[in-house]
Amino acid sequence: MILTKLQTIDPNILFYDTTAHIVQSSAEGFAVRAHTSNQERIRDLFVKYVEPKKYSSKIWADLKRTVHYTRTEVRFYNEILPLLKKEVNDEWLICPKIYLAEYELGGLLPDEHEEECLADEAPTLTNGISASSNSYHEPIYDESDTSVLDGKYGILVMDNVKEVNNCFQTSPLHPKLAQQSVKALAKFHAIAFQNHEILAKVSRRLCRFGGSYHLKNRNPKELQHLEKAWDGFIRDIGPHAPDDFFDDIKLQSLGKRLYHAAEFISQELSPSPKEPFATIVHGDYKAMNIFFP
């Protein structure tokens, strides 16, 4: 698969060597050195590859998030990034040069119209099947039959900026790098700030609810376990905390209070594209998702 995709961006690529293989919980990354028919030309590329079937041990609520993130990332590079770049007058180094961004996820997610209807109706799922009146149904699979995931994938091919642009990553960030990262994020936010046309397309084509931690993008069981998780945090951290730190009843009940406030908080942080302070968000902005020149 990878060699075939590399050859679509450069037919002269004959083979490649993998110099680094990064395995994450829902994706794989490959730093590759692609050798061309012109032996003097070697291309340093990075490939991000998602094959949903590899993660079929996950329940659908979790695997769906992986699939949705894959589609969102590909659509961002193909559809949204060009719109954002039109709004700047300088050379905006927001990401590596992207050569290929594509997916095949047919049947795993609703189409654009169905997705809007499902979000409006907020249907209850029974045995993995949507109770909505729309035509879309959640995929059903188990360990004995994962055929619905056959042939599904998402792939990005880009420059390996560590080699091509001498960029680096580090964590934690010292103050100067932290300042640079905040400045870069502020520019990202500013470019789409109150731009109704761009934000409407972002909401429609990427994700109606921005951010990987929005409740609409999470497994509902995560919220159900919030109170017990906080009790466990107090139990494990309490012995190492300052004396009487967790004696405050309000602190002890934080998990319960967050549980009951979560829906309200999540909704308050979900502006529509036309609201006064709406903008695009990264969704998972952290040190290890940033490259520094």
C-alpha atoms as a PDB file:
ATOM      1  CA  MET A   1       0.000   0.000   0.000  1.00  0.00           C
ATOM      2  CA  ILE A   2       2.639   2.557   1.038  1.00  0.00           C
ATOM      3  CA  LEU A   3       4.880   2.027  -1.995  1.00  0.00           C
ATOM      4  CA  THR A   4       1.890   2.310  -4.318  1.00  0.00           C
ATOM      5  CA  LYS A   5       0.842   5.590  -2.705  1.00  0.00           C
ATOM      6  CA  LEU A   6       4.389   6.954  -2.842  1.00  0.00           C
ATOM      7  CA  GLN A   7       4.497   6.183  -6.543  1.00  0.00           C
ATOM      8  CA  THR A   8       1.307   8.206  -7.101  1.00  0.00           C
ATOM      9  CA  ILE A   9       3.142  11.337  -5.937  1.00  0.00           C
ATOM     10  CA  ASP A  10       6.371  10.444  -7.743  1.00  0.00           C
ATOM     11  CA  PRO A  11       6.333   7.670 -10.367  1.00  0.00           C
ATOM     12  CA  ASN A  12      10.144   7.599 -10.240  1.00  0.00           C
ATOM     13  CA  ILE A  13      10.172   6.112  -6.726  1.00  0.00           C
ATOM     14  CA  LEU A  14      11.391   2.520  -6.929  1.00  0.00           C
ATOM     15  CA  PHE A  15      11.567   1.502  -3.282  1.00  0.00           C
ATOM     16  CA  TYR A  16      11.887   2.969   0.178  1.00  0.00           C
ATOM     17  CA  ASP A  17      13.609   2.327   3.485  1.00  0.00           C
ATOM     18  CA  THR A  18      11.797   2.889   6.764  1.00  0.00           C
ATOM     19  CA  THR A  19      14.048   4.858   9.109  1.00  0.00           C
ATOM     20  CA  ALA A  20      11.516   5.183  11.921  1.00  0.00           C
ATOM     21  CA  HIS A  21       8.229   3.476  12.730  1.00  0.00           C
ATOM     22  CA  ILE A  22       5.915   5.158  15.228  1.00  0.00           C
ATOM     23  CA  VAL A  23       3.027   3.085  16.574  1.00  0.00           C
ATOM     24  CA  GLN A  24       0.190   4.933  18.274  1.00  0.00           C
ATOM     25  CA  SER A  25      -3.120   3.745  19.659  1.00  0.00           C
ATOM     26  CA  SER A  26      -4.995   4.614  16.479  1.00  0.00           C
ATOM     27  CA  ALA A  27      -2.416   5.298  13.750  1.00  0.00           C
ATOM     28  CA  GLU A  28       1.059   4.465  12.495  1.00  0.00           C
ATOM     29  CA  GLY A  29       3.764   6.809  11.305  1.00  0.00           C
ATOM     30  CA  PHE A  30       6.633   5.949   8.978  1.00  0.00           C
ATOM     31  CA  ALA A  31       9.691   8.074   8.307  1.00  0.00           C
ATOM     32  CA  VAL A  32      10.864   6.827   4.928  1.00  0.00           C
ATOM     33  CA  ARG A  33      13.738   7.446   2.539  1.00  0.00           C
ATOM     34  CA  ALA A  34      12.340   6.968  -0.944  1.00  0.00           C
ATOM     35  CA  HIS A  35      14.831   5.975  -3.639  1.00  0.00           C
ATOM     36  CA  THR A  36      14.083   7.095  -7.191  1.00  0.00           C
ATOM     37  CA  SER A  37      15.207   5.928 -10.623  1.00  0.00           C
ATOM     38  CA  ASN A  38      17.665   8.796 -10.402  1.00  0.00           C
ATOM     39  CA  GLN A  39      19.850   7.212  -7.723  1.00  0.00           C
ATOM     40  CA  GLU A  40      21.237  10.580  -6.702  1.00  0.00           C
ATOM     41  CA  ARG A  41      17.799  11.791  -5.637  1.00  0.00           C
ATOM     42  CA  ILE A  42      16.487  10.510  -2.315  1.00  0.00           C
ATOM     43  CA  ARG A  43      13.251  11.873  -0.877  1.00  0.00           C
ATOM     44  CA  ASP A  44      12.747  12.078   2.886  1.00  0.00           C
ATOM     45  CA  LEU A  45       9.050  11.670   3.540  1.00  0.00           C
ATOM     46  CA  PHE A  46       6.721  10.956   6.416  1.00  0.00           C
ATOM     47  CA  VAL A  47       3.674   8.732   6.020  1.00  0.00           C
ATOM     48  CA  LYS A  48       0.779   8.629   8.454  1.00  0.00           C
ATOM     49  CA  TYR A  49      -1.377   5.568   7.899  1.00  0.00           C
ATOM     50  CA  VAL A  50      -4.602   4.477   9.562  1.00  0.00           C
ATOM     51  CA  GLU A  51      -6.078   1.043   8.918  1.00  0.00           C
ATOM     52  CA  PRO A  52      -9.276   0.762  11.014  1.00  0.00           C
ATOM     53  CA  LYS A  53      -9.284  -3.024  10.901  1.00  0.00           C
ATOM     54  CA  LYS A  54      -6.113  -3.091  13.004  1.00  0.00           C
ATOM     55  CA  TYR A  55      -8.114  -1.513  15.828  1.00  0.00           C
ATOM     56  CA  SER A  56     -11.195  -3.723  15.585  1.00  0.00           C
ATOM     57  CA  SER A  57     -10.688  -4.804  19.203  1.00  0.00           C
ATOM     58  CA  LYS A  58     -12.078  -1.393  20.154  1.00  0.00           C
ATOM     59  CA  ILE A  59     -15.801  -0.986  20.657  1.00  0.00           C
ATOM     60  CA  TRP A  60     -17.429   1.056  17.904  1.00  0.00           C
ATOM     61  CA  ALA A  61     -17.819   4.173  20.091  1.00  0.00           C
ATOM     62  CA  ASP A  62     -14.012   4.335  20.319  1.00  0.00           C
ATOM     63  CA  LEU A  63     -13.161   3.144  16.812  1.00  0.00           C
ATOM     64  CA  LYS A  64     -15.600   5.671  15.359  1.00  0.00           C
ATOM     65  CA  ARG A  65     -13.522   8.451  16.891  1.00  0.00           C
ATOM     66  CA  THR A  66     -10.402   7.088  15.184  1.00  0.00           C
ATOM     67  CA  VAL A  67     -12.216   6.928  11.845  1.00  0.00           C
ATOM     68  CA  HIS A  68     -13.666  10.421  12.273  1.00  0.00           C
ATOM     69  CA  TYR A  69     -10.270  11.917  13.159  1.00  0.00           C
ATOM     70  CA  THR A  70      -8.803  10.312  10.034  1.00  0.00           C
ATOM     71  CA  ARG A  71     -11.449  11.814   7.786  1.00  0.00           C
ATOM     72  CA  THR A  72     -11.173  15.193   9.506  1.00  0.00           C
ATOM     73  CA  GLU A  73      -7.411  15.377   9.040  1.00  0.00           C
ATOM     74  CA  VAL A  74      -7.557  14.484   5.351  1.00  0.00           C
ATOM     75  CA  ARG A  75     -10.366  16.957   4.695  1.00  0.00           C
ATOM     76  CA  PHE A  76      -8.516  19.697   6.562  1.00  0.00           C
ATOM     77  CA  TYR A  77      -5.463  19.452   4.305  1.00  0.00           C
ATOM     78  CA  ASN A  78      -7.495  19.108   1.107  1.00  0.00           C
ATOM     79  CA  GLU A  79     -10.355  21.535   1.716  1.00  0.00           C
ATOM     80  CA  ILE A  80      -9.756  23.896   4.645  1.00  0.00           C
ATOM     81  CA  LEU A  81      -6.038  24.668   4.610  1.00  0.00           C
ATOM     82  CA  PRO A  82      -6.178  26.220   1.100  1.00  0.00           C
ATOM     83  CA  LEU A  83      -8.944  28.569   2.321  1.00  0.00           C
ATOM     84  CA  LEU A  84      -6.918  29.601   5.357  1.00  0.00           C
ATOM     85  CA  LYS A  85      -3.800  30.247   3.292  1.00  0.00           C
ATOM     86  CA  LYS A  86      -5.733  32.669   1.094  1.00  0.00           C
ATOM     87  CA  GLU A  87      -6.264  34.851   4.175  1.00  0.00           C
ATOM     88  CA  VAL A  88      -2.549  35.435   4.859  1.00  0.00           C
ATOM     89  CA  ASN A  89      -0.052  37.606   3.013  1.00  0.00           C
ATOM     90  CA  ASP A  90       3.135  35.888   4.164  1.00  0.00           C
ATOM     91  CA  GLU A  91       4.720  32.470   3.877  1.00  0.00           C
ATOM     92  CA  TRP A  92       2.728  30.689   6.552  1.00  0.00           C
ATOM     93  CA  LEU A  93       4.632  27.588   7.668  1.00  0.00           C
ATOM     94  CA  ILE A  94       1.671  25.930   9.336  1.00  0.00           C
ATOM     95  CA  CYS A  95       2.548  22.374   8.314  1.00  0.00           C
ATOM     96  CA  PRO A  96       4.895  20.270   6.192  1.00  0.00           C
ATOM     97  CA  LYS A  97       4.339  20.182   2.448  1.00  0.00           C
ATOM     98  CA  ILE A  98       1.526  17.693   1.870  1.00  0.00           C
ATOM     99  CA  TYR A  99       1.755  15.494  -1.219  1.00  0.00           C
ATOM    100  CA  LEU A 100      -1.174  13.160  -0.617  1.00  0.00           C
ATOM    101  CA  ALA A 101      -4.179  13.178   1.706  1.00  0.00           C
ATOM    102  CA  GLU A 102      -6.878  10.611   1.051  1.00  0.00           C
ATOM    103  CA  TYR A 103      -9.174   8.110   2.707  1.00  0.00           C
ATOM    104  CA  GLU A 104     -11.556   5.295   1.903  1.00  0.00           C
ATOM    105  CA  LEU A 105     -14.064   5.016   4.750  1.00  0.00           C
ATOM    106  CA  GLY A 106     -17.285   4.408   2.862  1.00  0.00           C
ATOM    107  CA  GLY A 107     -20.113   3.172   5.070  1.00  0.00           C
ATOM    108  CA  LEU A 108     -18.345   3.845   8.349  1.00  0.00           C
ATOM    109  CA  LEU A 109     -19.559   7.427   8.790  1.00  0.00           C
ATOM    110  CA  PRO A 110     -22.720   9.235   7.709  1.00  0.00           C
ATOM    111  CA  ASP A 111     -22.578  11.483   4.699  1.00  0.00           C
ATOM    112  CA  GLU A 112     -22.795  15.234   5.121  1.00  0.00           C
ATOM    113  CA  HIS A 113     -26.612  15.525   5.159  1.00  0.00           C
ATOM    114  CA  GLU A 114     -27.128  12.498   7.375  1.00  0.00           C
ATOM    115  CA  GLU A 115     -24.470  13.726   9.802  1.00  0.00           C
ATOM    116  CA  GLU A 116     -26.288  17.034  10.300  1.00  0.00           C
ATOM    117  CA  CYS A 117     -29.606  15.281  10.863  1.00  0.00           C
ATOM    118  CA  LEU A 118     -28.140  12.802  13.302  1.00  0.00           C
ATOM    119  CA  ALA A 119     -26.518  15.594  15.296  1.00  0.00           C
ATOM    120  CA  ASP A 120     -29.828  17.490  15.452  1.00  0.00           C
ATOM    121  CA  GLU A 121     -31.797  14.449  16.554  1.00  0.00           C
ATOM    122  CA  ALA A 122     -29.159  13.085  18.984  1.00  0.00           C
ATOM    123  CA  PRO A 123     -30.517   9.535  18.537  1.00  0.00           C
ATOM    124  CA  THR A 124     -30.184   6.708  21.016  1.00  0.00           C
ATOM    125  CA  LEU A 125     -28.181   3.721  19.805  1.00  0.00           C
ATOM    126  CA  THR A 126     -29.560   0.251  20.398  1.00  0.00           C
ATOM    127  CA  ASN A 127     -27.357  -2.756  19.628  1.00  0.00           C
ATOM    128  CA  GLY A 128     -25.145  -0.501  17.565  1.00  0.00           C
ATOM    129  CA  ILE A 129     -27.941   0.642  15.236  1.00  0.00           C
ATOM    130  CA  SER A 130     -29.063   4.237  15.087  1.00  0.00           C
ATOM    131  CA  ALA A 131     -32.613   4.871  16.211  1.00  0.00           C
ATOM    132  CA  SER A 132     -32.776   7.805  13.796  1.00  0.00           C
ATOM    133  CA  SER A 133     -35.143   7.748  10.871  1.00  0.00           C
ATOM    134  CA  ASN A 134     -32.246   8.527   8.514  1.00  0.00           C
ATOM    135  CA  SER A 135     -30.722   5.902   6.228  1.00  0.00           C
ATOM    136  CA  TYR A 136     -27.358   5.780   7.981  1.00  0.00           C
ATOM    137  CA  HIS A 137     -26.774   2.931  10.417  1.00  0.00           C
ATOM    138  CA  GLU A 138     -23.801   2.486  12.696  1.00  0.00           C
ATOM    139  CA  PRO A 139     -21.575  -0.359  11.451  1.00  0.00           C
ATOM    140  CA  ILE A 140     -21.918  -3.638  13.315  1.00  0.00           C
ATOM    141  CA  TYR A 141     -18.877  -5.852  13.782  1.00  0.00           C
ATOM    142  CA  ASP A 142     -17.352  -8.204  16.316  1.00  0.00           C
ATOM    143  CA  GLU A 143     -14.242 -10.309  16.670  1.00  0.00           C
ATOM    144  CA  SER A 144     -15.702 -13.023  14.443  1.00  0.00           C
ATOM    145  CA  ASP A 145     -16.651 -10.694  11.571  1.00  0.00           C
ATOM    146  CA  THR A 146     -14.846  -7.428  10.875  1.00  0.00           C
ATOM    147  CA  SER A 147     -15.493  -7.468   7.132  1.00  0.00           C
ATOM    148  CA  VAL A 148     -17.174  -4.045   7.295  1.00  0.00           C
ATOM    149  CA  LEU A 149     -13.692  -2.656   7.952  1.00  0.00           C
ATOM    150  CA  ASP A 150     -12.048  -4.373   4.978  1.00  0.00           C
ATOM    151  CA  GLY A 151     -10.241  -2.022   2.601  1.00  0.00           C
ATOM    152  CA  LYS A 152     -10.793   1.044   4.771  1.00  0.00           C
ATOM    153  CA  TYR A 153      -7.848   3.377   5.304  1.00  0.00           C
ATOM    154  CA  GLY A 154      -6.593   6.901   5.624  1.00  0.00           C
ATOM    155  CA  ILE A 155      -3.174   8.109   4.505  1.00  0.00           C
ATOM    156  CA  LEU A 156      -1.117  11.292   4.542  1.00  0.00           C
ATOM    157  CA  VAL A 157       2.217  11.701   2.750  1.00  0.00           C
ATOM    158  CA  MET A 158       4.288  14.768   3.542  1.00  0.00           C
ATOM    159  CA  ASP A 159       7.842  16.026   3.766  1.00  0.00           C
ATOM    160  CA  ASN A 160       9.795  14.710   6.717  1.00  0.00           C
ATOM    161  CA  VAL A 161      10.468  18.152   8.177  1.00  0.00           C
ATOM    162  CA  LYS A 162      13.154  16.828  10.506  1.00  0.00           C
ATOM    163  CA  GLU A 163      15.256  15.991   7.467  1.00  0.00           C
ATOM    164  CA  VAL A 164      14.009  18.467   4.856  1.00  0.00           C
ATOM    165  CA  ASN A 165      13.639  21.572   7.038  1.00  0.00           C
ATOM    166  CA  ASN A 166      15.852  20.691  10.029  1.00  0.00           C
ATOM    167  CA  CYS A 167      12.898  21.005  12.407  1.00  0.00           C
ATOM    168  CA  PHE A 168      12.764  19.438  15.844  1.00  0.00           C
ATOM    169  CA  GLN A 169      10.309  18.447  18.558  1.00  0.00           C
ATOM    170  CA  THR A 170      10.775  18.604  22.305  1.00  0.00           C
ATOM    171  CA  SER A 171       8.779  18.296  25.507  1.00  0.00           C
ATOM    172  CA  PRO A 172       8.385  19.963  27.919  1.00  0.00           C
ATOM    173  CA  LEU A 173       8.768  23.369  26.258  1.00  0.00           C
ATOM    174  CA  HIS A 174      11.056  25.990  27.737  1.00  0.00           C
ATOM    175  CA  PRO A 175       9.543  29.513  27.963  1.00  0.00           C
ATOM    176  CA  LYS A 176      10.834  30.762  24.598  1.00  0.00           C
ATOM    177  CA  LEU A 177       9.428  27.767  22.702  1.00  0.00           C
ATOM    178  CA  ALA A 178       6.193  27.936  24.668  1.00  0.00           C
ATOM    179  CA  GLN A 179       5.829  31.565  23.616  1.00  0.00           C
ATOM    180  CA  GLN A 180       6.447  30.638  19.968  1.00  0.00           C
ATOM    181  CA  SER A 181       3.849  27.872  20.154  1.00  0.00           C
ATOM    182  CA  VAL A 182       1.194  30.185  21.628  1.00  0.00           C
ATOM    183  CA  LYS A 183       1.961  32.816  18.970  1.00  0.00           C
ATOM    184  CA  ALA A 184       1.566  30.227  16.221  1.00  0.00           C
ATOM    185  CA  LEU A 185      -1.737  29.031  17.662  1.00  0.00           C
ATOM    186  CA  ALA A 186      -2.987  32.613  18.019  1.00  0.00           C
ATOM    187  CA  LYS A 187      -2.316  33.204  14.308  1.00  0.00           C
ATOM    188  CA  PHE A 188      -4.205  30.025  13.453  1.00  0.00           C
ATOM    189  CA  HIS A 189      -7.181  31.225  15.499  1.00  0.00           C
ATOM    190  CA  ALA A 190      -7.010  34.779  14.131  1.00  0.00           C
ATOM    191  CA  ILE A 191      -7.087  33.745  10.479  1.00  0.00           C
ATOM    192  CA  ALA A 192     -10.503  32.102  10.817  1.00  0.00           C
ATOM    193  CA  PHE A 193     -11.851  34.377  13.564  1.00  0.00           C
ATOM    194  CA  GLN A 194     -15.443  35.402  12.716  1.00  0.00           C
ATOM    195  CA  ASN A 195     -14.938  34.242   9.128  1.00  0.00           C
ATOM    196  CA  HIS A 196     -18.429  32.829   8.671  1.00  0.00           C
ATOM    197  CA  GLU A 197     -17.738  31.312   5.267  1.00  0.00           C
ATOM    198  CA  ILE A 198     -14.705  29.321   6.394  1.00  0.00           C
ATOM    199  CA  LEU A 199     -16.231  28.341   9.726  1.00  0.00           C
ATOM    200  CA  ALA A 200     -19.426  27.106   8.099  1.00  0.00           C
ATOM    201  CA  LYS A 201     -17.371  24.789   5.904  1.00  0.00           C
ATOM    202  CA  VAL A 202     -15.256  23.679   8.879  1.00  0.00           C
ATOM    203  CA  SER A 203     -18.405  22.811  10.819  1.00  0.00           C
ATOM    204  CA  ARG A 204     -19.932  21.009   7.858  1.00  0.00           C
ATOM    205  CA  ARG A 205     -16.918  19.164   6.482  1.00  0.00           C
ATOM    206  CA  LEU A 206     -14.636  18.592   9.475  1.00  0.00           C
ATOM    207  CA  CYS A 207     -16.414  18.438  12.772  1.00  0.00           C
ATOM    208  CA  ARG A 208     -19.518  20.171  14.018  1.00  0.00           C
ATOM    209  CA  PHE A 209     -18.129  20.157  17.540  1.00  0.00           C
ATOM    210  CA  GLY A 210     -14.465  21.201  17.659  1.00  0.00           C
ATOM    211  CA  GLY A 211     -11.868  19.585  19.898  1.00  0.00           C
ATOM    212  CA  SER A 212     -11.014  15.975  20.596  1.00  0.00           C
ATOM    213  CA  TYR A 213     -12.402  16.252  24.129  1.00  0.00           C
ATOM    214  CA  HIS A 214     -15.858  17.560  23.245  1.00  0.00           C
ATOM    215  CA  LEU A 215     -18.486  15.213  24.692  1.00  0.00           C
ATOM    216  CA  LYS A 216     -19.975  14.585  21.249  1.00  0.00           C
ATOM    217  CA  ASN A 217     -16.600  13.182  20.187  1.00  0.00           C
ATOM    218  CA  ARG A 218     -16.084  10.908  23.175  1.00  0.00           C
ATOM    219  CA  ASN A 219     -17.271   7.507  24.349  1.00  0.00           C
ATOM    220  CA  PRO A 220     -20.235   8.216  26.697  1.00  0.00           C
ATOM    221  CA  LYS A 221     -18.777   5.741  29.221  1.00  0.00           C
ATOM    222  CA  GLU A 222     -15.892   8.131  29.871  1.00  0.00           C
ATOM    223  CA  LEU A 223     -18.276  10.641  31.440  1.00  0.00           C
ATOM    224  CA  GLN A 224     -20.116   7.943  33.345  1.00  0.00           C
ATOM    225  CA  HIS A 225     -16.856   6.966  35.065  1.00  0.00           C
ATOM    226  CA  LEU A 226     -15.823  10.536  35.884  1.00  0.00           C
ATOM    227  CA  GLU A 227     -16.909  10.514  39.537  1.00  0.00           C
ATOM    228  CA  LYS A 228     -15.184   7.216  40.302  1.00  0.00           C
ATOM    229  CA  ALA A 229     -12.083   8.391  38.441  1.00  0.00           C
ATOM    230  CA  TRP A 230     -11.871  11.474  40.652  1.00  0.00           C
ATOM    231  CA  ASP A 231     -12.326   9.388  43.796  1.00  0.00           C
ATOM    232  CA  GLY A 232      -9.468   7.190  42.594  1.00  0.00           C
ATOM    233  CA  PHE A 233      -7.325  10.272  41.965  1.00  0.00           C
ATOM    234  CA  ILE A 234      -7.871  11.444  45.547  1.00  0.00           C
ATOM    235  CA  ARG A 235      -7.086   7.973  46.848  1.00  0.00           C
ATOM    236  CA  ASP A 236      -3.828   7.677  44.885  1.00  0.00           C
ATOM    237  CA  ILE A 237      -2.590  11.277  45.073  1.00  0.00           C
ATOM    238  CA  GLY A 238      -3.902  12.126  48.519  1.00  0.00           C
ATOM    239  CA  PRO A 239      -1.011  10.526  50.435  1.00  0.00           C
ATOM    240  CA  HIS A 240       1.460  12.627  48.433  1.00  0.00           C
ATOM    241  CA  ALA A 241      -0.470  15.911  48.633  1.00  0.00           C
ATOM    242  CA  PRO A 242       0.030  18.587  51.328  1.00  0.00           C
ATOM    243  CA  ASP A 243      -1.683  17.899  54.623  1.00  0.00           C
ATOM    244  CA  ASP A 244      -5.446  18.527  54.591  1.00  0.00           C
ATOM    245  CA  PHE A 245      -5.316  19.344  50.855  1.00  0.00           C
ATOM    246  CA  PHE A 246      -8.339  17.154  50.041  1.00  0.00           C
ATOM    247  CA  ASP A 247     -10.289  17.911  53.222  1.00  0.00           C
ATOM    248  CA  ASP A 248     -12.368  20.597  51.507  1.00  0.00           C
ATOM    249  CA  ILE A 249     -15.771  19.047  50.750  1.00  0.00           C
ATOM    250  CA  LYS A 250     -15.976  21.018  47.481  1.00  0.00           C
ATOM    251  CA  LEU A 251     -12.724  19.466  46.309  1.00  0.00           C
ATOM    252  CA  GLN A 252     -13.841  16.014  47.353  1.00  0.00           C
ATOM    253  CA  SER A 253     -17.036  16.386  45.328  1.00  0.00           C
ATOM    254  CA  LEU A 254     -15.332  17.844  42.246  1.00  0.00           C
ATOM    255  CA  GLY A 255     -15.897  14.678  40.205  1.00  0.00           C
ATOM    256  CA  LYS A 256     -19.618  14.657  40.980  1.00  0.00           C
ATOM    257  CA  ARG A 257     -19.981  18.371  40.259  1.00  0.00           C
ATOM    258  CA  LEU A 258     -18.125  18.061  36.950  1.00  0.00           C
ATOM    259  CA  TYR A 259     -20.311  15.116  35.957  1.00  0.00           C
ATOM    260  CA  HIS A 260     -23.497  17.121  36.459  1.00  0.00           C
ATOM    261  CA  ALA A 261     -22.074  20.257  34.788  1.00  0.00           C
ATOM    262  CA  ALA A 262     -20.359  18.534  31.863  1.00  0.00           C
ATOM    263  CA  GLU A 263     -23.184  18.770  29.329  1.00  0.00           C
ATOM    264  CA  PHE A 264     -23.759  22.455  30.087  1.00  0.00           C
ATOM    265  CA  ILE A 265     -20.038  23.263  29.886  1.00  0.00           C
ATOM    266  CA  SER A 266     -19.632  21.346  26.638  1.00  0.00           C
ATOM    267  CA  GLN A 267     -22.601  23.138  25.081  1.00  0.00           C
ATOM    268  CA  GLU A 268     -21.377  26.560  26.228  1.00  0.00           C
ATOM    269  CA  LEU A 269     -18.053  25.886  24.522  1.00  0.00           C
ATOM    270  CA  SER A 270     -19.735  24.954  21.240  1.00  0.00           C
ATOM    271  CA  PRO A 271     -20.392  28.145  19.258  1.00  0.00           C
ATOM    272  CA  SER A 272     -22.080  28.055  15.880  1.00  0.00           C
ATOM    273  CA  PRO A 273     -20.085  29.427  12.914  1.00  0.00           C
ATOM    274  CA  LYS A 274     -21.934  32.756  13.080  1.00  0.00           C
ATOM    275  CA  GLU A 275     -21.516  33.440  16.796  1.00  0.00           C
ATOM    276  CA  PRO A 276     -19.398  36.514  17.719  1.00  0.00           C
ATOM    277  CA  PHE A 277     -16.219  34.790  18.942  1.00  0.00           C
ATOM    278  CA  ALA A 278     -16.248  31.607  16.881  1.00  0.00           C
ATOM    279  CA  THR A 279     -13.053  30.372  15.266  1.00  0.00           C
ATOM    280  CA  ILE A 280     -11.344  27.175  14.217  1.00  0.00           C
ATOM    281  CA  VAL A 281      -9.553  25.097  16.859  1.00  0.00           C
ATOM    282  CA  HIS A 282      -6.678  22.652  16.555  1.00  0.00           C
ATOM    283  CA  GLY A 283      -8.282  20.026  18.770  1.00  0.00           C
ATOM    284  CA  ASP A 284      -5.118  18.393  20.109  1.00  0.00           C
ATOM    285  CA  TYR A 285      -2.515  21.134  20.467  1.00  0.00           C
ATOM    286  CA  LYS A 286       0.420  19.887  22.532  1.00  0.00           C
ATOM    287  CA  ALA A 287       4.193  19.899  22.437  1.00  0.00           C
ATOM    288  CA  MET A 288       4.561  16.637  20.560  1.00  0.00           C
ATOM    289  CA  ASN A 289       2.250  17.886  17.795  1.00  0.00           C
ATOM    290  CA  ILE A 290       4.486  20.907  17.123  1.00  0.00           C
ATOM    291  CA  PHE A 291       7.676  21.193  15.078  1.00  0.00           C
ATOM    292  CA  PHE A 292      10.090  24.058  15.706  1.00  0.00           C
ATOM    293  CA  PRO A 293      12.493  25.434  13.073  1.00  0.00           C
END
